[in-house]
Every structure is written in C-alpha cells, then in structure tokens.
Amino acid sequence: MAKAYSFDFMSYRKQAAIASILLLIVSVASIVLRSLEWGLDFTGGTLVEVTYEAAAFPEAIRAELDQAGYSGHVVQYFGSDRDILVRMPPQKNLSDKDNARLGDGLLVALQAGTSNQLVLRRAEFVGPAVGEELTNQGGLGLLAALGMVLLYVSFRFQLKFALGAVLALFHDVVITLGVFSIIRWEFDTTVLAALLAVIGYSLNDTIVVSDRIRENFRKLRRGSSEEIINASLNQTLGRTLITSFTTLLVLFALLILGGELISGFAKALIIGVVVGTYSSIYVAANTLLALKLDRDDLLVPVKEGAELE
C-alpha cells in the first residue's frame, strides 16, 4: 500500500509509551505521597472572602487568627492585594453548631485585627459528612463513567478498541490529577466536573480516530496494521487539531476572564484537552498495535443465507 500519510506517528510509539508511563508514575506517586489539595467542598469547613479598603497582608492576618485561637487556617490573596480568602477547617474545640457559625467569628476577628475597613464577599460552610460524601460520590462517578465507556465502545467497535479508549481516558484523568497534586492547585467540585468533561472530550476524539481506523481496515486491502493506523491518524489529524485549538481558545478565555471561581475548572480542562489530544493519537492507537489488531478483528459478519442470494 502506498503511504497515504505525511507524518509517521507510529515510528515514535515506543518513545511515546515510555513518556506516558513516566508521566503516570510521577502522577500516581504525587497523588499517593502528597495527595491532592482538597477544596472545602471535600474537607468540610468554612470559607470567607473579604475585600479590604487598602492593601492587606496575609502574614499579619494569619498572626491575628492565631492570636484569636483559630488553628489550621489558610490565608491567601484572592485576586488583588486587597482581596483575601480565608479557609478554616472545623475547629475541634467547637461544637457542630458553633462550627457552622464560624464565618461570623472569623469576620469579627478579621475586623478586630485591623483599622482597615473590610467588606464580606462570600461566606460558606460545608460539614465534614457532606465533604466525605462528595469525595465518595465523585470517585464512584469517575469509575462509572469509565465503565460505561468500556461497554459503549465494546458494542460500537470491538473489545480491543474499548480497552484502548479506557486506557487513554485513565491516562488523561490520572495525569490531570497528577498536575493538580504536584502544583498544589485546589481540587474542588468544579475540577471534578472538569474531569468528567475531559472524559467526554477525549472519548469523542478517540471515537473519531477509531471510526476511521475501522473503516480503513475494511477498505484498504494492502498494508500492515501500523501503516493503516498511521494513515487513519493523518486523515483525522486536521479535525483533531482544529477541535482542540478552538476548545483551548474558549478555555483560556474562561481562565483569564472567568475569575477565581472557575479557574480550577478551566485549568483542568486545558490540561485534559492537551493530554487527551495526545492520548487519542498515541495511547489509544498504541494499545491497538500492542493488542495486535488486524483485519480479522474487524470483518463484517456475513448474514445467514447471504451466500445463497
């Protein structure tokens, strides 16, 4: 078969496999050893956002909260040097009722520690039980999504395609989580939603590539599996790059203009789109070659009695 592609993707499949394995090892090691920077949605506790009339200093605010008897707090800028975010885990010396009202006490402590006028922007409380329930449900949601993908692709294509698709999705999710763990970005429910969106995005891209691979295996009579997969990847490359580029334009706009509330969502999707584009080319296709996909796997079943017609 004459080569119908311009870039030999599969000649780099071993290097790509090594890179993917290394990234997965680093990501899993970081997740296991350092965990994630769980947001308030999962850990429970109180979150308070305030805006000061003049510049505020987190170090001074931390000292004021320590003096007021609060422990485990996280104080950081939230935009400008006048916007302060305070996250406080449930205080062991307080009852559940008092922890639920912790935001009021924090606001009083912040105001008492400065002559600078401040304005309350947001105050939230999440109980520990709710946080634990969200963690369990989030993990089950991701596993359920991967299981449904396995079943769907198995029925639509073939088991080897399903294994490649699920491995690619697992690769995308773990690496995205690994980046959040390494950089210590906060992981909240918006990031969890982004991970589910990453699964959908990456699956769509993988199915487009898989559809073309199946079509070419049935249409092209000559050529090795590697050549046919290469041709298929090149035929879908333009569509893959344009889709990824336009999606990234929107996500960077959300990251820059959307504010802090959805920054985690945008960051997770940006990482997921980039890694998902890579995995649809190398991880899913690499898996098909490793499983020795050939024409016999994709033969169209002959209907009973068709040979007699």
Protein backbone atom coordinates (compact mmCIF):
# COMPACT_ATOMS: atom_id res chain seq x y z
CA MET A 1 0.00 0.00 0.00
CA ALA A 2 1.33 3.43 -0.92
CA LYS A 3 1.71 5.59 2.13
CA ALA A 4 -1.31 7.90 2.41
CA TYR A 5 0.07 9.85 5.36
CA SER A 6 2.67 12.57 5.76
CA PHE A 7 3.70 12.02 9.37
CA ASP A 8 4.86 8.67 10.69
CA PHE A 9 3.20 8.76 14.12
CA MET A 10 3.77 5.12 14.90
CA SER A 11 7.54 5.32 14.43
CA TYR A 12 7.58 7.23 17.73
CA ARG A 13 5.21 4.90 19.55
CA LYS A 14 7.90 3.42 21.82
CA GLN A 15 9.12 6.86 22.89
CA ALA A 16 5.51 7.94 23.45
CA ALA A 17 4.80 4.83 25.52
CA ILE A 18 7.85 5.50 27.71
CA ALA A 19 6.83 9.14 28.16
CA SER A 20 3.27 8.16 29.11
CA ILE A 21 4.46 5.54 31.60
CA LEU A 22 6.84 8.04 33.23
CA LEU A 23 4.11 10.68 33.47
CA LEU A 24 1.72 8.16 35.01
CA ILE A 25 4.32 7.02 37.54
CA VAL A 26 5.10 10.61 38.58
CA SER A 27 1.40 11.47 38.78
CA VAL A 28 0.45 8.40 40.83
CA ALA A 29 3.44 8.90 43.15
CA SER A 30 2.47 12.52 43.78
CA ILE A 31 -1.19 11.62 44.37
CA VAL A 32 -0.27 8.83 46.80
CA LEU A 33 2.53 10.61 48.67
CA ARG A 34 1.29 14.21 48.62
CA SER A 35 -2.42 13.69 47.97
CA LEU A 36 -4.50 16.47 46.43
CA GLU A 37 -5.09 19.96 47.78
CA TRP A 38 -8.68 19.14 48.65
CA GLY A 39 -11.06 22.07 48.50
CA LEU A 40 -13.60 22.99 51.09
CA ASP A 41 -16.27 21.00 49.22
CA PHE A 42 -14.49 17.77 50.17
CA THR A 43 -12.80 18.51 53.50
CA GLY A 44 -15.58 20.49 55.13
CA GLY A 45 -15.03 23.76 56.96
CA THR A 46 -15.60 27.47 56.48
CA LEU A 47 -14.57 29.75 53.65
CA VAL A 48 -14.64 33.54 53.91
CA GLU A 49 -13.78 36.06 51.18
CA VAL A 50 -13.28 39.69 52.18
CA THR A 51 -12.13 42.85 50.43
CA TYR A 52 -10.12 45.41 52.38
CA GLU A 53 -10.24 49.13 51.79
CA ALA A 54 -6.42 49.21 51.43
CA ALA A 55 -3.75 46.59 50.79
CA ALA A 56 -3.84 43.65 53.23
CA PHE A 57 -1.02 41.32 54.28
CA PRO A 58 -1.69 37.57 54.71
CA GLU A 59 1.15 37.15 57.22
CA ALA A 60 -0.42 39.73 59.56
CA ILE A 61 -3.86 38.17 59.15
CA ARG A 62 -2.50 34.71 59.99
CA ALA A 63 -0.95 36.11 63.16
CA GLU A 64 -4.25 37.74 64.12
CA LEU A 65 -6.18 34.48 63.63
CA ASP A 66 -3.59 32.54 65.65
CA GLN A 67 -3.94 35.06 68.44
CA ALA A 68 -7.73 34.70 68.29
CA GLY A 69 -7.35 30.96 68.86
CA TYR A 70 -8.07 29.62 65.38
CA SER A 71 -5.93 26.76 64.01
CA GLY A 72 -5.35 25.14 60.62
CA HIS A 73 -6.35 28.22 58.65
CA VAL A 74 -5.17 29.08 55.13
CA VAL A 75 -4.95 32.76 54.23
CA GLN A 76 -4.13 33.86 50.70
CA TYR A 77 -4.71 36.60 48.18
CA PHE A 78 -7.78 36.14 46.01
CA GLY A 79 -7.09 38.38 43.04
CA SER A 80 -5.72 41.78 44.08
CA ASP A 81 -3.72 42.61 47.21
CA ARG A 82 -6.96 43.87 48.80
CA ASP A 83 -8.89 40.61 48.31
CA ILE A 84 -8.29 37.96 50.96
CA LEU A 85 -9.52 34.35 51.07
CA VAL A 86 -9.58 32.52 54.42
CA ARG A 87 -10.21 28.77 54.59
CA MET A 88 -10.74 27.27 58.02
CA PRO A 89 -11.21 23.55 58.81
CA PRO A 90 -13.70 22.60 61.53
CA GLN A 91 -12.32 23.61 64.95
CA LYS A 92 -12.06 20.67 67.36
CA ASN A 93 -12.79 22.84 70.38
CA LEU A 94 -16.13 23.98 68.92
CA SER A 95 -19.43 22.18 68.62
CA ASP A 96 -21.01 21.44 65.24
CA LYS A 97 -23.40 24.33 65.79
CA ASP A 98 -20.56 26.75 66.59
CA ASN A 99 -18.52 25.49 63.60
CA ALA A 100 -21.48 26.23 61.37
CA ARG A 101 -21.34 29.84 62.61
CA LEU A 102 -17.56 30.05 62.35
CA GLY A 103 -17.78 32.54 59.49
CA ASP A 104 -19.28 35.17 61.75
CA GLY A 105 -16.48 34.74 64.29
CA LEU A 106 -13.84 34.91 61.56
CA LEU A 107 -15.28 38.15 60.24
CA VAL A 108 -15.22 39.68 63.72
CA ALA A 109 -11.61 38.53 64.25
CA LEU A 110 -10.52 39.95 60.90
CA GLN A 111 -12.16 43.28 61.56
CA ALA A 112 -10.81 43.49 65.13
CA GLY A 113 -7.25 42.92 63.93
CA THR A 114 -7.13 45.95 61.63
CA SER A 115 -8.28 49.53 61.33
CA ASN A 116 -8.71 48.83 57.62
CA GLN A 117 -12.39 48.61 56.65
CA LEU A 118 -13.40 45.35 55.00
CA VAL A 119 -16.40 44.08 53.04
CA LEU A 120 -17.64 40.49 53.19
CA ARG A 121 -17.85 38.99 49.69
CA ARG A 122 -18.68 35.36 50.44
CA ALA A 123 -19.04 33.06 53.43
CA GLU A 124 -19.66 29.31 53.12
CA PHE A 125 -19.77 26.35 55.47
CA VAL A 126 -19.56 22.67 54.47
CA GLY A 127 -19.99 19.94 57.07
CA PRO A 128 -17.44 17.06 57.24
CA ALA A 129 -20.11 14.46 56.44
CA VAL A 130 -21.10 16.30 53.26
CA GLY A 131 -17.45 16.57 52.24
CA GLU A 132 -16.84 12.85 52.75
CA GLU A 133 -20.00 12.01 50.80
CA LEU A 134 -18.87 14.22 47.90
CA THR A 135 -15.46 12.51 47.84
CA ASN A 136 -17.02 9.04 47.66
CA GLN A 137 -19.60 10.03 45.08
CA GLY A 138 -17.01 11.80 42.94
CA GLY A 139 -14.76 8.73 42.84
CA LEU A 140 -17.68 6.45 42.04
CA GLY A 141 -18.80 8.85 39.32
CA LEU A 142 -15.41 8.68 37.59
CA LEU A 143 -15.32 4.88 37.81
CA ALA A 144 -18.89 4.62 36.50
CA ALA A 145 -18.03 6.88 33.55
CA LEU A 146 -15.01 4.72 32.63
CA GLY A 147 -17.12 1.55 32.95
CA MET A 148 -19.85 2.92 30.66
CA VAL A 149 -17.21 3.95 28.11
CA LEU A 150 -15.83 0.39 28.13
CA LEU A 151 -19.29 -1.05 27.44
CA TYR A 152 -20.22 1.55 24.81
CA VAL A 153 -17.02 1.24 22.76
CA SER A 154 -17.13 -2.58 23.04
CA PHE A 155 -20.59 -2.64 21.49
CA ARG A 156 -19.90 0.02 18.88
CA PHE A 157 -16.47 -1.20 17.79
CA GLN A 158 -14.66 -4.12 19.36
CA LEU A 159 -13.14 -5.04 22.73
CA LYS A 160 -9.61 -4.03 21.67
CA PHE A 161 -10.87 -0.54 20.79
CA ALA A 162 -12.68 -0.37 24.14
CA LEU A 163 -9.52 -1.26 26.07
CA GLY A 164 -7.56 1.37 24.14
CA ALA A 165 -10.22 4.03 24.78
CA VAL A 166 -10.45 3.30 28.52
CA LEU A 167 -6.66 3.23 28.89
CA ALA A 168 -6.46 6.61 27.13
CA LEU A 169 -9.14 8.09 29.40
CA PHE A 170 -7.46 6.68 32.51
CA HIS A 171 -4.18 8.18 31.27
CA ASP A 172 -5.82 11.62 30.81
CA VAL A 173 -7.55 11.67 34.19
CA VAL A 174 -4.53 10.47 36.20
CA ILE A 175 -2.13 12.93 34.56
CA THR A 176 -4.57 15.81 35.12
CA LEU A 177 -4.88 14.82 38.79
CA GLY A 178 -1.10 14.50 38.98
CA VAL A 179 -0.59 18.06 37.73
CA PHE A 180 -3.03 19.35 40.36
CA SER A 181 -1.21 17.35 43.04
CA ILE A 182 2.28 18.49 42.01
CA ILE A 183 1.42 22.19 41.62
CA ARG A 184 -0.87 22.11 44.70
CA TRP A 185 -3.85 23.61 42.91
CA GLU A 186 -7.06 23.29 44.86
CA PHE A 187 -9.27 20.35 43.90
CA ASP A 188 -12.96 21.17 44.32
CA THR A 189 -16.25 20.14 42.71
CA THR A 190 -15.64 22.36 39.66
CA VAL A 191 -12.43 20.41 38.97
CA LEU A 192 -14.32 17.13 39.41
CA ALA A 193 -16.85 18.36 36.83
CA ALA A 194 -13.95 19.24 34.52
CA LEU A 195 -12.55 15.69 34.83
CA LEU A 196 -15.89 14.26 33.72
CA ALA A 197 -15.87 16.73 30.81
CA VAL A 198 -12.32 15.61 29.95
CA ILE A 199 -13.58 12.02 29.73
CA GLY A 200 -16.31 13.12 27.32
CA TYR A 201 -13.97 15.24 25.21
CA SER A 202 -11.22 12.64 24.98
CA LEU A 203 -13.73 9.87 24.24
CA ASN A 204 -15.21 11.87 21.36
CA ASP A 205 -11.76 12.36 19.84
CA THR A 206 -10.83 8.70 20.33
CA ILE A 207 -14.06 7.50 18.70
CA VAL A 208 -13.47 9.67 15.62
CA VAL A 209 -9.98 8.16 15.22
CA SER A 210 -11.26 4.63 15.93
CA ASP A 211 -14.03 5.02 13.35
CA ARG A 212 -11.51 5.93 10.68
CA ILE A 213 -9.18 3.07 11.68
CA ARG A 214 -12.03 0.55 11.41
CA GLU A 215 -13.10 1.99 8.06
CA ASN A 216 -9.59 1.80 6.62
CA PHE A 217 -9.00 -1.74 7.87
CA ARG A 218 -12.09 -2.81 5.93
CA LYS A 219 -11.44 -0.65 2.85
CA LEU A 220 -7.69 -0.96 2.30
CA ARG A 221 -6.66 -4.41 1.12
CA ARG A 222 -2.91 -3.94 1.48
CA GLY A 223 -0.66 -2.61 4.18
CA SER A 224 0.32 -3.55 7.69
CA SER A 225 -1.66 -2.61 10.78
CA GLU A 226 0.89 0.09 11.55
CA GLU A 227 0.54 1.63 8.09
CA ILE A 228 -3.26 1.63 8.21
CA ILE A 229 -3.32 3.22 11.68
CA ASN A 230 -0.81 5.84 10.52
CA ALA A 231 -2.97 6.68 7.51
CA SER A 232 -6.06 6.94 9.72
CA LEU A 233 -4.33 9.24 12.20
CA ASN A 234 -3.20 11.57 9.42
CA GLN A 235 -6.67 11.65 7.88
CA THR A 236 -8.20 12.77 11.18
CA LEU A 237 -5.29 15.00 12.26
CA GLY A 238 -6.73 18.23 10.84
CA ARG A 239 -10.06 17.70 12.56
CA THR A 240 -8.34 16.82 15.85
CA LEU A 241 -6.10 19.90 15.86
CA ILE A 242 -8.85 22.34 14.85
CA THR A 243 -11.21 20.98 17.54
CA SER A 244 -8.51 21.15 20.21
CA PHE A 245 -7.41 24.65 19.17
CA THR A 246 -10.90 26.16 19.21
CA THR A 247 -11.69 24.45 22.53
CA LEU A 248 -8.47 25.81 24.06
CA LEU A 249 -9.34 29.35 22.89
CA VAL A 250 -12.58 29.20 24.89
CA LEU A 251 -10.88 27.66 27.92
CA PHE A 252 -8.11 30.27 28.03
CA ALA A 253 -10.79 32.97 27.81
CA LEU A 254 -12.53 31.37 30.81
CA LEU A 255 -9.23 31.14 32.69
CA ILE A 256 -8.30 34.77 32.08
CA LEU A 257 -11.72 36.42 32.29
CA GLY A 258 -13.83 33.98 34.28
CA GLY A 259 -12.46 34.79 37.72
CA GLU A 260 -11.18 32.61 40.54
CA LEU A 261 -14.37 30.59 40.96
CA ILE A 262 -13.97 28.71 37.68
CA SER A 263 -10.20 28.91 37.29
CA GLY A 264 -9.80 25.32 38.54
CA PHE A 265 -12.39 24.13 36.03
CA ALA A 266 -10.58 25.91 33.18
CA LYS A 267 -7.13 24.68 34.25
CA ALA A 268 -8.28 21.05 34.49
CA LEU A 269 -9.93 21.18 31.07
CA ILE A 270 -6.91 22.85 29.44
CA ILE A 271 -4.66 20.07 30.75
CA GLY A 272 -7.23 17.44 29.79
CA VAL A 273 -7.66 18.73 26.23
CA VAL A 274 -3.89 18.83 25.62
CA VAL A 275 -3.27 15.39 27.14
CA GLY A 276 -6.44 13.99 25.53
CA THR A 277 -5.32 15.09 22.06
CA TYR A 278 -2.01 13.33 22.63
CA SER A 279 -3.62 10.17 24.04
CA SER A 280 -6.10 9.78 21.17
CA ILE A 281 -3.10 9.66 18.81
CA TYR A 282 -0.61 7.67 20.82
CA VAL A 283 -2.19 5.89 23.80
CA ALA A 284 -5.34 4.50 22.12
CA ALA A 285 -3.60 3.71 18.81
CA ASN A 286 -0.56 2.29 20.61
CA THR A 287 -2.84 -0.04 22.55
CA LEU A 288 -4.40 -1.33 19.32
CA LEU A 289 -0.97 -2.25 17.98
CA ALA A 290 0.05 -3.81 21.30
CA LEU A 291 -3.13 -5.95 21.18
CA LYS A 292 -2.28 -6.93 17.57
CA LEU A 293 -5.39 -5.54 15.92
CA ASP A 294 -5.81 -6.93 12.38
CA ARG A 295 -8.45 -7.24 9.65
CA ASP A 296 -9.87 -10.44 11.12
CA ASP A 297 -10.97 -8.48 14.18
CA LEU A 298 -13.00 -6.09 12.02
CA LEU A 299 -14.59 -8.38 9.45
CA VAL A 300 -18.24 -7.57 8.82
CA PRO A 301 -20.30 -10.61 9.86
CA VAL A 302 -21.94 -12.33 6.90
CA LYS A 303 -25.69 -12.62 7.35
CA GLU A 304 -27.04 -16.12 7.43
CA GLY A 305 -28.20 -17.16 3.95
CA ALA A 306 -26.47 -14.21 2.26
CA GLU A 307 -24.16 -16.54 0.33
CA LEU A 308 -27.21 -18.18 -1.26
CA GLU A 309 -28.56 -14.95 -2.69
